[in-house]
C-alpha atoms as a PDB file:
ATOM      1  CA  MET A   1     159.881  20.854  81.448  1.00  0.00           C
ATOM      2  CA  VAL A   2     156.460  19.213  80.940  1.00  0.00           C
ATOM      3  CA  SER A   3     154.993  17.075  83.825  1.00  0.00           C
ATOM      4  CA  GLU A   4     151.867  15.953  84.722  1.00  0.00           C
ATOM      5  CA  ARG A   5     150.322  17.992  87.832  1.00  0.00           C
ATOM      6  CA  ARG A   6     149.735  15.223  89.865  1.00  0.00           C
ATOM      7  CA  GLU A   7     153.049  13.923  89.338  1.00  0.00           C
ATOM      8  CA  LYS A   8     155.919  14.328  92.203  1.00  0.00           C
ATOM      9  CA  LEU A   9     158.305  17.157  92.057  1.00  0.00           C
ATOM     10  CA  ALA A  10     160.946  14.867  91.831  1.00  0.00           C
ATOM     11  CA  GLY A  11     159.251  12.497  89.629  1.00  0.00           C
ATOM     12  CA  PRO A  12     160.958  12.078  85.690  1.00  0.00           C
ATOM     13  CA  PRO A  13     159.300  14.802  83.168  1.00  0.00           C
ATOM     14  CA  THR A  14     157.117  13.877  80.591  1.00  0.00           C
ATOM     15  CA  GLU A  15     159.196  16.290  77.989  1.00  0.00           C
ATOM     16  CA  ASP A  16     162.049  17.911  77.934  1.00  0.00           C
ATOM     17  CA  LEU A  17     160.908  21.644  75.625  1.00  0.00           C
ATOM     18  CA  GLY A  18     164.535  23.167  75.996  1.00  0.00           C
ATOM     19  CA  TRP A  19     167.216  24.948  78.202  1.00  0.00           C
ATOM     20  CA  TYR A  20     167.944  28.062  80.151  1.00  0.00           C
ATOM     21  CA  ASN A  21     171.491  29.280  81.674  1.00  0.00           C
ATOM     22  CA  PRO A  22     171.252  32.029  83.914  1.00  0.00           C
ATOM     23  CA  ARG A  23     174.898  32.946  83.862  1.00  0.00           C
ATOM     24  CA  ASP A  24     174.729  33.697  79.956  1.00  0.00           C
ATOM     25  CA  LYS A  25     171.308  34.436  79.856  1.00  0.00           C
ATOM     26  CA  LYS A  26     170.777  32.422  76.747  1.00  0.00           C
ATOM     27  CA  SER A  27     168.298  29.975  76.029  1.00  0.00           C
ATOM     28  CA  GLU A  28     166.707  27.831  73.795  1.00  0.00           C
ATOM     29  CA  PHE A  29     163.445  26.637  73.542  1.00  0.00           C
ATOM     30  CA  LYS A  30     161.366  24.010  70.457  1.00  0.00           C
ATOM     31  CA  VAL A  31     158.979  25.718  69.578  1.00  0.00           C
ATOM     32  CA  GLU A  32     157.120  23.739  67.828  1.00  0.00           C
ATOM     33  CA  ARG A  33     156.865  21.373  70.846  1.00  0.00           C
ATOM     34  CA  VAL A  34     155.841  24.058  73.048  1.00  0.00           C
ATOM     35  CA  THR A  35     152.705  25.409  71.128  1.00  0.00           C
ATOM     36  CA  TYR A  36     151.730  21.783  71.061  1.00  0.00           C
ATOM     37  CA  TRP A  37     151.578  21.482  74.730  1.00  0.00           C
ATOM     38  CA  LEU A  38     149.903  24.990  75.138  1.00  0.00           C
ATOM     39  CA  SER A  39     147.521  23.850  72.379  1.00  0.00           C
ATOM     40  CA  GLN A  40     146.725  21.116  74.876  1.00  0.00           C
ATOM     41  CA  GLY A  41     146.135  23.030  78.192  1.00  0.00           C
ATOM     42  CA  ALA A  42     149.341  23.579  79.313  1.00  0.00           C
ATOM     43  CA  LYS A  43     150.230  26.056  81.960  1.00  0.00           C
ATOM     44  CA  LEU A  44     153.226  28.037  82.229  1.00  0.00           C
ATOM     45  CA  SER A  45     154.928  29.784  84.997  1.00  0.00           C
ATOM     46  CA  ASP A  46     155.370  33.557  85.131  1.00  0.00           C
ATOM     47  CA  THR A  47     158.746  33.337  84.370  1.00  0.00           C
ATOM     48  CA  VAL A  48     158.420  30.712  81.339  1.00  0.00           C
ATOM     49  CA  HIS A  49     155.904  32.889  79.794  1.00  0.00           C
ATOM     50  CA  ASN A  50     158.349  36.094  80.593  1.00  0.00           C
ATOM     51  CA  MET A  51     161.122  34.312  78.774  1.00  0.00           C
ATOM     52  CA  LEU A  52     158.632  32.662  75.953  1.00  0.00           C
ATOM     53  CA  VAL A  53     157.477  36.652  75.365  1.00  0.00           C
ATOM     54  CA  ALA A  54     161.127  37.789  75.029  1.00  0.00           C
ATOM     55  CA  GLN A  55     162.047  34.959  72.163  1.00  0.00           C
ATOM     56  CA  LYS A  56     158.753  35.749  70.646  1.00  0.00           C
ATOM     57  CA  VAL A  57     157.710  31.935  70.798  1.00  0.00           C
ATOM     58  CA  ILE A  58     153.910  33.592  72.576  1.00  0.00           C
ATOM     59  CA  GLU A  59     152.869  36.770  71.854  1.00  0.00           C
ATOM     60  CA  GLY A  60     151.344  38.731  74.838  1.00  0.00           C
ATOM     61  CA  LYS A  61     152.835  40.977  77.608  1.00  0.00           C
ATOM     62  CA  LYS A  62     154.938  39.594  80.464  1.00  0.00           C
ATOM     63  CA  ILE A  63     153.964  39.031  84.132  1.00  0.00           C
ATOM     64  CA  ALA A  64     155.355  40.899  86.897  1.00  0.00           C
ATOM     65  CA  VAL A  65     156.690  37.940  88.497  1.00  0.00           C
ATOM     66  CA  HIS A  66     158.253  40.269  91.689  1.00  0.00           C
ATOM     67  CA  LYS A  67     155.312  41.712  93.247  1.00  0.00           C
ATOM     68  CA  GLN A  68     155.238  44.548  95.740  1.00  0.00           C
ATOM     69  CA  SER A  69     152.723  43.299  98.155  1.00  0.00           C
ATOM     70  CA  LYS A  70     152.611  46.353 100.557  1.00  0.00           C
ATOM     71  CA  SER A  71     153.176  50.018  99.436  1.00  0.00           C
ATOM     72  CA  LYS A  72     156.346  52.074 100.788  1.00  0.00           C
ATOM     73  CA  GLU A  73     153.989  54.195 103.221  1.00  0.00           C
ATOM     74  CA  GLU A  74     152.651  50.819 104.765  1.00  0.00           C
ATOM     75  CA  ASN A  75     156.266  49.641 104.590  1.00  0.00           C
ATOM     76  CA  ALA A  76     157.555  52.356 106.672  1.00  0.00           C
ATOM     77  CA  LYS A  77     154.697  52.436 109.568  1.00  0.00           C
ATOM     78  CA  GLY A  78     155.472  48.531 109.778  1.00  0.00           C
ATOM     79  CA  LYS A  79     159.112  49.762 110.448  1.00  0.00           C
ATOM     80  CA  ALA A  80     157.709  52.823 113.001  1.00  0.00           C
ATOM     81  CA  GLN A  81     155.620  50.232 115.242  1.00  0.00           C
ATOM     82  CA  SER A  82     158.192  47.495 115.264  1.00  0.00           C
ATOM     83  CA  ALA A  83     160.861  50.338 116.205  1.00  0.00           C
ATOM     84  CA  ALA A  84     158.504  51.464 119.149  1.00  0.00           C
ATOM     85  CA  PRO A  85     159.604  49.956 122.898  1.00  0.00           C
ATOM     86  CA  ALA A  86     157.179  47.372 123.761  1.00  0.00           C
ATOM     87  CA  VAL A  87     155.497  48.002 127.456  1.00  0.00           C
ATOM     88  CA  ALA A  88     155.311  44.914 129.434  1.00  0.00           C
ATOM     89  CA  PRO A  89     151.935  44.797 131.396  1.00  0.00           C
ATOM     90  CA  LYS A  90     151.887  45.576 135.684  1.00  0.00           C
ATOM     91  CA  ALA A  91     150.699  42.603 137.818  1.00  0.00           C
END
């Protein structure tokens, strides 16, 4: 869907450019209209970008959608600290 950035999320879309069915993993895009809007400066979300690359509508590399913010070592260190019992200060 194409929508104005200034419009509310629940507002009517400017144009419908295709569909995606997550159960069947099927999708269909209006290629001509997608390329038109991209030429006008429209920006894609990471997920839509990856779907368009997979369908060969646009060229490029896929974008990692689920980025890991911490390494495994940092996660283990954080869990170890949270597992340590808290000591209340004496008054």
